[in-house]
Amino acid sequence: QLVESGGGPVQAGGSLKLSCKASGDNKGFSRDCMAWF
């Protein structure tokens, strides 16, 4: 399971930091290829 957080409204020029928490059967997280779309 992957769950994103950290989104929301922001003014132009501002910053945000998104997070994606992994859980479940993913013992190989450190070796997983990952991406943001």
ModelCIF file with pLDDT and N, C-alpha, C, O atoms, coordinates in Angstrom:
data_MODEL
#
_entry.id   MODEL 
#
_entity.id                         1 
_entity.type                       polymer 
_entity.pdbx_number_of_molecules   1 
#
_entity_poly.entity_id                      1 
_entity_poly.type                           'polypeptide(L)' 
_entity_poly.nstd_linkage                   no 
_entity_poly.nstd_monomer                   no 
_entity_poly.pdbx_seq_one_letter_code       QLVESGGGPVQAGGSLKLSCKASGDNKGFSRDCMAWF 
_entity_poly.pdbx_seq_one_letter_code_can   QLVESGGGPVQAGGSLKLSCKASGDNKGFSRDCMAWF 
_entity_poly.pdbx_strand_id                 A 
#
loop_
_entity_poly_seq.entity_id 
_entity_poly_seq.num 
_entity_poly_seq.mon_id 
_entity_poly_seq.hetero 
1 1  GLN n 
1 2  LEU n 
1 3  VAL n 
1 4  GLU n 
1 5  SER n 
1 6  GLY n 
1 7  GLY n 
1 8  GLY n 
1 9  PRO n 
1 10 VAL n 
1 11 GLN n 
1 12 ALA n 
1 13 GLY n 
1 14 GLY n 
1 15 SER n 
1 16 LEU n 
1 17 LYS n 
1 18 LEU n 
1 19 SER n 
1 20 CYS n 
1 21 LYS n 
1 22 ALA n 
1 23 SER n 
1 24 GLY n 
1 25 ASP n 
1 26 ASN n 
1 27 LYS n 
1 28 GLY n 
1 29 PHE n 
1 30 SER n 
1 31 ARG n 
1 32 ASP n 
1 33 CYS n 
1 34 MET n 
1 35 ALA n 
1 36 TRP n 
1 37 PHE n 
#
_struct_asym.id          A 
_struct_asym.entity_id   1 
#
loop_
_ma_qa_metric.id 
_ma_qa_metric.mode 
_ma_qa_metric.name 
_ma_qa_metric.software_group_id 
_ma_qa_metric.type 
1 global pLDDT . pLDDT 
2 local  pLDDT . pLDDT 
#
_ma_qa_metric_global.metric_id      1 
_ma_qa_metric_global.metric_value   92.57 
_ma_qa_metric_global.model_id       1 
_ma_qa_metric_global.ordinal_id     1 
#
loop_
_ma_qa_metric_local.label_asym_id 
_ma_qa_metric_local.label_comp_id 
_ma_qa_metric_local.label_seq_id 
_ma_qa_metric_local.metric_id 
_ma_qa_metric_local.metric_value 
_ma_qa_metric_local.model_id 
_ma_qa_metric_local.ordinal_id 
A GLN 1  2 93.00 1 1  
A LEU 2  2 96.00 1 2  
A VAL 3  2 97.00 1 3  
A GLU 4  2 98.00 1 4  
A SER 5  2 98.00 1 5  
A GLY 6  2 98.00 1 6  
A GLY 7  2 98.00 1 7  
A GLY 8  2 98.00 1 8  
A PRO 9  2 98.00 1 9  
A VAL 10 2 98.00 1 10 
A GLN 11 2 98.00 1 11 
A ALA 12 2 98.00 1 12 
A GLY 13 2 98.00 1 13 
A GLY 14 2 98.00 1 14 
A SER 15 2 98.00 1 15 
A LEU 16 2 98.00 1 16 
A LYS 17 2 98.00 1 17 
A LEU 18 2 98.00 1 18 
A SER 19 2 98.00 1 19 
A CYS 20 2 98.00 1 20 
A LYS 21 2 97.00 1 21 
A ALA 22 2 95.00 1 22 
A SER 23 2 90.00 1 23 
A GLY 24 2 84.00 1 24 
A ASP 25 2 72.00 1 25 
A ASN 26 2 64.00 1 26 
A LYS 27 2 71.00 1 27 
A GLY 28 2 78.00 1 28 
A PHE 29 2 84.00 1 29 
A SER 30 2 83.00 1 30 
A ARG 31 2 85.00 1 31 
A ASP 32 2 89.00 1 32 
A CYS 33 2 93.00 1 33 
A MET 34 2 95.00 1 34 
A ALA 35 2 97.00 1 35 
A TRP 36 2 98.00 1 36 
A PHE 37 2 98.00 1 37 
#
loop_
_atom_site.group_PDB 
_atom_site.id 
_atom_site.type_symbol 
_atom_site.label_atom_id 
_atom_site.label_alt_id 
_atom_site.label_comp_id 
_atom_site.label_asym_id 
_atom_site.label_entity_id 
_atom_site.label_seq_id 
_atom_site.pdbx_PDB_ins_code 
_atom_site.Cartn_x 
_atom_site.Cartn_y 
_atom_site.Cartn_z 
_atom_site.occupancy 
_atom_site.B_iso_or_equiv 
_atom_site.pdbx_formal_charge 
_atom_site.auth_seq_id 
_atom_site.auth_comp_id 
_atom_site.auth_asym_id 
_atom_site.auth_atom_id 
_atom_site.pdbx_PDB_model_num 
ATOM 1   N N  . GLN A 1 1  ? 0.840  -1.199 0.000   1.00 93.00 ? 1  GLN A N  1 
ATOM 2   C CA . GLN A 1 1  ? 0.000  0.000  0.000   1.00 93.00 ? 1  GLN A CA 1 
ATOM 3   C C  . GLN A 1 1  ? 0.875  1.249  0.000   1.00 93.00 ? 1  GLN A C  1 
ATOM 4   O O  . GLN A 1 1  ? 1.881  1.320  0.706   1.00 93.00 ? 1  GLN A O  1 
ATOM 5   N N  . LEU A 1 2  ? 0.477  2.224  -0.797  1.00 96.00 ? 2  LEU A N  1 
ATOM 6   C CA . LEU A 1 2  ? 1.147  3.517  -0.848  1.00 96.00 ? 2  LEU A CA 1 
ATOM 7   C C  . LEU A 1 2  ? 0.107  4.597  -0.566  1.00 96.00 ? 2  LEU A C  1 
ATOM 8   O O  . LEU A 1 2  ? -0.990 4.573  -1.126  1.00 96.00 ? 2  LEU A O  1 
ATOM 9   N N  . VAL A 1 3  ? 0.452  5.532  0.293   1.00 97.00 ? 3  VAL A N  1 
ATOM 10  C CA . VAL A 1 3  ? -0.470 6.620  0.610   1.00 97.00 ? 3  VAL A CA 1 
ATOM 11  C C  . VAL A 1 3  ? 0.285  7.937  0.582   1.00 97.00 ? 3  VAL A C  1 
ATOM 12  O O  . VAL A 1 3  ? 1.254  8.132  1.316   1.00 97.00 ? 3  VAL A O  1 
ATOM 13  N N  . GLU A 1 4  ? -0.177 8.841  -0.282  1.00 98.00 ? 4  GLU A N  1 
ATOM 14  C CA . GLU A 1 4  ? 0.440  10.153 -0.395  1.00 98.00 ? 4  GLU A CA 1 
ATOM 15  C C  . GLU A 1 4  ? -0.167 11.131 0.614   1.00 98.00 ? 4  GLU A C  1 
ATOM 16  O O  . GLU A 1 4  ? -1.310 10.973 1.043   1.00 98.00 ? 4  GLU A O  1 
ATOM 17  N N  . SER A 1 5  ? 0.612  12.131 0.979   1.00 98.00 ? 5  SER A N  1 
ATOM 18  C CA . SER A 1 5  ? 0.124  13.223 1.824   1.00 98.00 ? 5  SER A CA 1 
ATOM 19  C C  . SER A 1 5  ? 0.958  14.465 1.557   1.00 98.00 ? 5  SER A C  1 
ATOM 20  O O  . SER A 1 5  ? 2.007  14.398 0.917   1.00 98.00 ? 5  SER A O  1 
ATOM 21  N N  . GLY A 1 6  ? 0.481  15.600 2.054   1.00 98.00 ? 6  GLY A N  1 
ATOM 22  C CA . GLY A 1 6  ? 1.241  16.838 1.937   1.00 98.00 ? 6  GLY A CA 1 
ATOM 23  C C  . GLY A 1 6  ? 0.745  17.794 0.875   1.00 98.00 ? 6  GLY A C  1 
ATOM 24  O O  . GLY A 1 6  ? 1.252  18.909 0.759   1.00 98.00 ? 6  GLY A O  1 
ATOM 25  N N  . GLY A 1 7  ? -0.245 17.372 0.096   1.00 98.00 ? 7  GLY A N  1 
ATOM 26  C CA . GLY A 1 7  ? -0.790 18.267 -0.912  1.00 98.00 ? 7  GLY A CA 1 
ATOM 27  C C  . GLY A 1 7  ? -1.662 19.346 -0.287  1.00 98.00 ? 7  GLY A C  1 
ATOM 28  O O  . GLY A 1 7  ? -1.916 19.341 0.918   1.00 98.00 ? 7  GLY A O  1 
ATOM 29  N N  . GLY A 1 8  ? -2.119 20.277 -1.135  1.00 98.00 ? 8  GLY A N  1 
ATOM 30  C CA . GLY A 1 8  ? -2.980 21.346 -0.661  1.00 98.00 ? 8  GLY A CA 1 
ATOM 31  C C  . GLY A 1 8  ? -2.849 22.570 -1.530  1.00 98.00 ? 8  GLY A C  1 
ATOM 32  O O  . GLY A 1 8  ? -2.179 22.529 -2.561  1.00 98.00 ? 8  GLY A O  1 
ATOM 33  N N  . PRO A 1 9  ? -3.484 23.669 -1.128  1.00 98.00 ? 9  PRO A N  1 
ATOM 34  C CA . PRO A 1 9  ? -3.371 24.914 -1.886  1.00 98.00 ? 9  PRO A CA 1 
ATOM 35  C C  . PRO A 1 9  ? -2.084 25.648 -1.519  1.00 98.00 ? 9  PRO A C  1 
ATOM 36  O O  . PRO A 1 9  ? -1.631 25.596 -0.376  1.00 98.00 ? 9  PRO A O  1 
ATOM 37  N N  . VAL A 1 10 ? -1.506 26.330 -2.500  1.00 98.00 ? 10 VAL A N  1 
ATOM 38  C CA . VAL A 1 10 ? -0.281 27.098 -2.271  1.00 98.00 ? 10 VAL A CA 1 
ATOM 39  C C  . VAL A 1 10 ? -0.235 28.240 -3.278  1.00 98.00 ? 10 VAL A C  1 
ATOM 40  O O  . VAL A 1 10 ? -0.743 28.112 -4.392  1.00 98.00 ? 10 VAL A O  1 
ATOM 41  N N  . GLN A 1 11 ? 0.364  29.336 -2.892  1.00 98.00 ? 11 GLN A N  1 
ATOM 42  C CA . GLN A 1 11 ? 0.508  30.462 -3.813  1.00 98.00 ? 11 GLN A CA 1 
ATOM 43  C C  . GLN A 1 11 ? 1.697  30.252 -4.735  1.00 98.00 ? 11 GLN A C  1 
ATOM 44  O O  . GLN A 1 11 ? 2.663  29.574 -4.383  1.00 98.00 ? 11 GLN A O  1 
ATOM 45  N N  . ALA A 1 12 ? 1.612  30.841 -5.912  1.00 98.00 ? 12 ALA A N  1 
ATOM 46  C CA . ALA A 1 12 ? 2.711  30.759 -6.872  1.00 98.00 ? 12 ALA A CA 1 
ATOM 47  C C  . ALA A 1 12 ? 4.004  31.245 -6.224  1.00 98.00 ? 12 ALA A C  1 
ATOM 48  O O  . ALA A 1 12 ? 4.030  32.267 -5.539  1.00 98.00 ? 12 ALA A O  1 
ATOM 49  N N  . GLY A 1 13 ? 5.069  30.493 -6.456  1.00 98.00 ? 13 GLY A N  1 
ATOM 50  C CA . GLY A 1 13 ? 6.346  30.800 -5.845  1.00 98.00 ? 13 GLY A CA 1 
ATOM 51  C C  . GLY A 1 13 ? 6.583  30.079 -4.540  1.00 98.00 ? 13 GLY A C  1 
ATOM 52  O O  . GLY A 1 13 ? 7.694  30.089 -4.012  1.00 98.00 ? 13 GLY A O  1 
ATOM 53  N N  . GLY A 1 14 ? 5.542  29.452 -4.016  1.00 98.00 ? 14 GLY A N  1 
ATOM 54  C CA . GLY A 1 14 ? 5.642  28.750 -2.745  1.00 98.00 ? 14 GLY A CA 1 
ATOM 55  C C  . GLY A 1 14 ? 6.194  27.342 -2.881  1.00 98.00 ? 14 GLY A C  1 
ATOM 56  O O  . GLY A 1 14 ? 6.586  26.911 -3.966  1.00 98.00 ? 14 GLY A O  1 
ATOM 57  N N  . SER A 1 15 ? 6.217  26.631 -1.752  1.00 98.00 ? 15 SER A N  1 
ATOM 58  C CA . SER A 1 15 ? 6.790  25.296 -1.697  1.00 98.00 ? 15 SER A CA 1 
ATOM 59  C C  . SER A 1 15 ? 5.859  24.328 -0.980  1.00 98.00 ? 15 SER A C  1 
ATOM 60  O O  . SER A 1 15 ? 5.057  24.727 -0.136  1.00 98.00 ? 15 SER A O  1 
ATOM 61  N N  . LEU A 1 16 ? 5.975  23.069 -1.324  1.00 98.00 ? 16 LEU A N  1 
ATOM 62  C CA . LEU A 1 16 ? 5.295  21.982 -0.640  1.00 98.00 ? 16 LEU A CA 1 
ATOM 63  C C  . LEU A 1 16 ? 6.220  20.781 -0.632  1.00 98.00 ? 16 LEU A C  1 
ATOM 64  O O  . LEU A 1 16 ? 7.075  20.635 -1.507  1.00 98.00 ? 16 LEU A O  1 
ATOM 65  N N  . LYS A 1 17 ? 6.043  19.916 0.370   1.00 98.00 ? 17 LYS A N  1 
ATOM 66  C CA . LYS A 1 17 ? 6.771  18.653 0.393   1.00 98.00 ? 17 LYS A CA 1 
ATOM 67  C C  . LYS A 1 17 ? 5.768  17.525 0.510   1.00 98.00 ? 17 LYS A C  1 
ATOM 68  O O  . LYS A 1 17 ? 5.057  17.411 1.509   1.00 98.00 ? 17 LYS A O  1 
ATOM 69  N N  . LEU A 1 18 ? 5.715  16.690 -0.522  1.00 98.00 ? 18 LEU A N  1 
ATOM 70  C CA . LEU A 1 18 ? 4.831  15.543 -0.529  1.00 98.00 ? 18 LEU A CA 1 
ATOM 71  C C  . LEU A 1 18 ? 5.539  14.331 0.074   1.00 98.00 ? 18 LEU A C  1 
ATOM 72  O O  . LEU A 1 18 ? 6.754  14.174 -0.050  1.00 98.00 ? 18 LEU A O  1 
ATOM 73  N N  . SER A 1 19 ? 4.755  13.485 0.724   1.00 98.00 ? 19 SER A N  1 
ATOM 74  C CA . SER A 1 19 ? 5.260  12.237 1.273   1.00 98.00 ? 19 SER A CA 1 
ATOM 75  C C  . SER A 1 19 ? 4.441  11.083 0.722   1.00 98.00 ? 19 SER A C  1 
ATOM 76  O O  . SER A 1 19 ? 3.258  11.239 0.417   1.00 98.00 ? 19 SER A O  1 
ATOM 77  N N  . CYS A 1 20 ? 5.066  9.942  0.599   1.00 98.00 ? 20 CYS A N  1 
ATOM 78  C CA . CYS A 1 20 ? 4.396  8.719  0.167   1.00 98.00 ? 20 CYS A CA 1 
ATOM 79  C C  . CYS A 1 20 ? 4.850  7.609  1.110   1.00 98.00 ? 20 CYS A C  1 
ATOM 80  O O  . CYS A 1 20 ? 5.988  7.144  1.045   1.00 98.00 ? 20 CYS A O  1 
ATOM 81  N N  . LYS A 1 21 ? 3.940  7.196  1.983   1.00 97.00 ? 21 LYS A N  1 
ATOM 82  C CA . LYS A 1 21 ? 4.266  6.173  2.981   1.00 97.00 ? 21 LYS A CA 1 
ATOM 83  C C  . LYS A 1 21 ? 3.913  4.802  2.437   1.00 97.00 ? 21 LYS A C  1 
ATOM 84  O O  . LYS A 1 21 ? 2.792  4.577  1.980   1.00 97.00 ? 21 LYS A O  1 
ATOM 85  N N  . ALA A 1 22 ? 4.872  3.886  2.486   1.00 95.00 ? 22 ALA A N  1 
ATOM 86  C CA . ALA A 1 22 ? 4.654  2.523  2.035   1.00 95.00 ? 22 ALA A CA 1 
ATOM 87  C C  . ALA A 1 22 ? 4.391  1.613  3.228   1.00 95.00 ? 22 ALA A C  1 
ATOM 88  O O  . ALA A 1 22 ? 5.014  1.755  4.280   1.00 95.00 ? 22 ALA A O  1 
ATOM 89  N N  . SER A 1 23 ? 3.466  0.681  3.052   1.00 90.00 ? 23 SER A N  1 
ATOM 90  C CA . SER A 1 23 ? 3.183  -0.306 4.089   1.00 90.00 ? 23 SER A CA 1 
ATOM 91  C C  . SER A 1 23 ? 2.775  -1.609 3.429   1.00 90.00 ? 23 SER A C  1 
ATOM 92  O O  . SER A 1 23 ? 2.573  -1.681 2.217   1.00 90.00 ? 23 SER A O  1 
ATOM 93  N N  . GLY A 1 24 ? 2.660  -2.621 4.246   1.00 84.00 ? 24 GLY A N  1 
ATOM 94  C CA . GLY A 1 24 ? 2.269  -3.911 3.707   1.00 84.00 ? 24 GLY A CA 1 
ATOM 95  C C  . GLY A 1 24 ? 3.478  -4.770 3.394   1.00 84.00 ? 24 GLY A C  1 
ATOM 96  O O  . GLY A 1 24 ? 4.531  -4.652 4.022   1.00 84.00 ? 24 GLY A O  1 
ATOM 97  N N  . ASP A 1 25 ? 3.303  -5.633 2.413   1.00 72.00 ? 25 ASP A N  1 
ATOM 98  C CA . ASP A 1 25 ? 4.331  -6.611 2.085   1.00 72.00 ? 25 ASP A CA 1 
ATOM 99  C C  . ASP A 1 25 ? 5.360  -6.019 1.128   1.00 72.00 ? 25 ASP A C  1 
ATOM 100 O O  . ASP A 1 25 ? 5.398  -6.390 -0.045  1.00 72.00 ? 25 ASP A O  1 
ATOM 101 N N  . ASN A 1 26 ? 6.183  -5.113 1.611   1.00 64.00 ? 26 ASN A N  1 
ATOM 102 C CA . ASN A 1 26 ? 7.215  -4.506 0.764   1.00 64.00 ? 26 ASN A CA 1 
ATOM 103 C C  . ASN A 1 26 ? 8.528  -4.473 1.509   1.00 64.00 ? 26 ASN A C  1 
ATOM 104 O O  . ASN A 1 26 ? 9.089  -3.409 1.772   1.00 64.00 ? 26 ASN A O  1 
ATOM 105 N N  . LYS A 1 27 ? 9.011  -5.662 1.845   1.00 71.00 ? 27 LYS A N  1 
ATOM 106 C CA . LYS A 1 27 ? 10.262 -5.768 2.591   1.00 71.00 ? 27 LYS A CA 1 
ATOM 107 C C  . LYS A 1 27 ? 11.438 -5.211 1.802   1.00 71.00 ? 27 LYS A C  1 
ATOM 108 O O  . LYS A 1 27 ? 12.459 -4.835 2.378   1.00 71.00 ? 27 LYS A O  1 
ATOM 109 N N  . GLY A 1 28 ? 11.291 -5.161 0.490   1.00 78.00 ? 28 GLY A N  1 
ATOM 110 C CA . GLY A 1 28 ? 12.388 -4.674 -0.338  1.00 78.00 ? 28 GLY A CA 1 
ATOM 111 C C  . GLY A 1 28 ? 12.276 -3.217 -0.705  1.00 78.00 ? 28 GLY A C  1 
ATOM 112 O O  . GLY A 1 28 ? 12.746 -2.816 -1.769  1.00 78.00 ? 28 GLY A O  1 
ATOM 113 N N  . PHE A 1 29 ? 11.660 -2.402 0.153   1.00 84.00 ? 29 PHE A N  1 
ATOM 114 C CA . PHE A 1 29 ? 11.417 -0.994 -0.161  1.00 84.00 ? 29 PHE A CA 1 
ATOM 115 C C  . PHE A 1 29 ? 12.693 -0.299 -0.609  1.00 84.00 ? 29 PHE A C  1 
ATOM 116 O O  . PHE A 1 29 ? 12.673 0.490  -1.553  1.00 84.00 ? 29 PHE A O  1 
ATOM 117 N N  . SER A 1 30 ? 13.804 -0.587 0.062   1.00 83.00 ? 30 SER A N  1 
ATOM 118 C CA . SER A 1 30 ? 15.052 0.105  -0.262  1.00 83.00 ? 30 SER A CA 1 
ATOM 119 C C  . SER A 1 30 ? 15.518 -0.206 -1.677  1.00 83.00 ? 30 SER A C  1 
ATOM 120 O O  . SER A 1 30 ? 16.286 0.556  -2.263  1.00 83.00 ? 30 SER A O  1 
ATOM 121 N N  . ARG A 1 31 ? 15.054 -1.320 -2.223  1.00 85.00 ? 31 ARG A N  1 
ATOM 122 C CA . ARG A 1 31 ? 15.478 -1.699 -3.573  1.00 85.00 ? 31 ARG A CA 1 
ATOM 123 C C  . ARG A 1 31 ? 14.422 -1.410 -4.630  1.00 85.00 ? 31 ARG A C  1 
ATOM 124 O O  . ARG A 1 31 ? 14.657 -1.626 -5.819  1.00 85.00 ? 31 ARG A O  1 
ATOM 125 N N  . ASP A 1 32 ? 13.265 -0.926 -4.205  1.00 89.00 ? 32 ASP A N  1 
ATOM 126 C CA . ASP A 1 32 ? 12.198 -0.646 -5.160  1.00 89.00 ? 32 ASP A CA 1 
ATOM 127 C C  . ASP A 1 32 ? 12.528 0.579  -6.002  1.00 89.00 ? 32 ASP A C  1 
ATOM 128 O O  . ASP A 1 32 ? 13.095 1.555  -5.512  1.00 89.00 ? 32 ASP A O  1 
ATOM 129 N N  . CYS A 1 33 ? 12.170 0.510  -7.256  1.00 93.00 ? 33 CYS A N  1 
ATOM 130 C CA . CYS A 1 33 ? 12.212 1.682  -8.117  1.00 93.00 ? 33 CYS A CA 1 
ATOM 131 C C  . CYS A 1 33 ? 10.925 2.457  -7.861  1.00 93.00 ? 33 CYS A C  1 
ATOM 132 O O  . CYS A 1 33 ? 9.844  1.868  -7.837  1.00 93.00 ? 33 CYS A O  1 
ATOM 133 N N  . MET A 1 34 ? 11.025 3.763  -7.672  1.00 95.00 ? 34 MET A N  1 
ATOM 134 C CA . MET A 1 34 ? 9.843  4.552  -7.338  1.00 95.00 ? 34 MET A CA 1 
ATOM 135 C C  . MET A 1 34 ? 9.806  5.842  -8.150  1.00 95.00 ? 34 MET A C  1 
ATOM 136 O O  . MET A 1 34 ? 10.823 6.319  -8.654  1.00 95.00 ? 34 MET A O  1 
ATOM 137 N N  . ALA A 1 35 ? 8.615  6.379  -8.257  1.00 97.00 ? 35 ALA A N  1 
ATOM 138 C CA . ALA A 1 35 ? 8.471  7.597  -9.056  1.00 97.00 ? 35 ALA A CA 1 
ATOM 139 C C  . ALA A 1 35 ? 7.277  8.406  -8.578  1.00 97.00 ? 35 ALA A C  1 
ATOM 140 O O  . ALA A 1 35 ? 6.369  7.892  -7.924  1.00 97.00 ? 35 ALA A O  1 
ATOM 141 N N  . TRP A 1 36 ? 7.304  9.679  -8.921  1.00 98.00 ? 36 TRP A N  1 
ATOM 142 C CA . TRP A 1 36 ? 6.160  10.557 -8.760  1.00 98.00 ? 36 TRP A CA 1 
ATOM 143 C C  . TRP A 1 36 ? 5.600  10.870 -10.142 1.00 98.00 ? 36 TRP A C  1 
ATOM 144 O O  . TRP A 1 36 ? 6.332  11.219 -11.069 1.00 98.00 ? 36 TRP A O  1 
ATOM 145 N N  . PHE A 1 37 ? 4.291  10.737 -10.251 1.00 98.00 ? 37 PHE A N  1 
ATOM 146 C CA . PHE A 1 37 ? 3.562  11.128 -11.449 1.00 98.00 ? 37 PHE A CA 1 
ATOM 147 C C  . PHE A 1 37 ? 2.603  12.248 -11.058 1.00 98.00 ? 37 PHE A C  1 
ATOM 148 O O  . PHE A 1 37 ? 1.867  12.754 -11.905 1.00 98.00 ? 37 PHE A O  1 
#
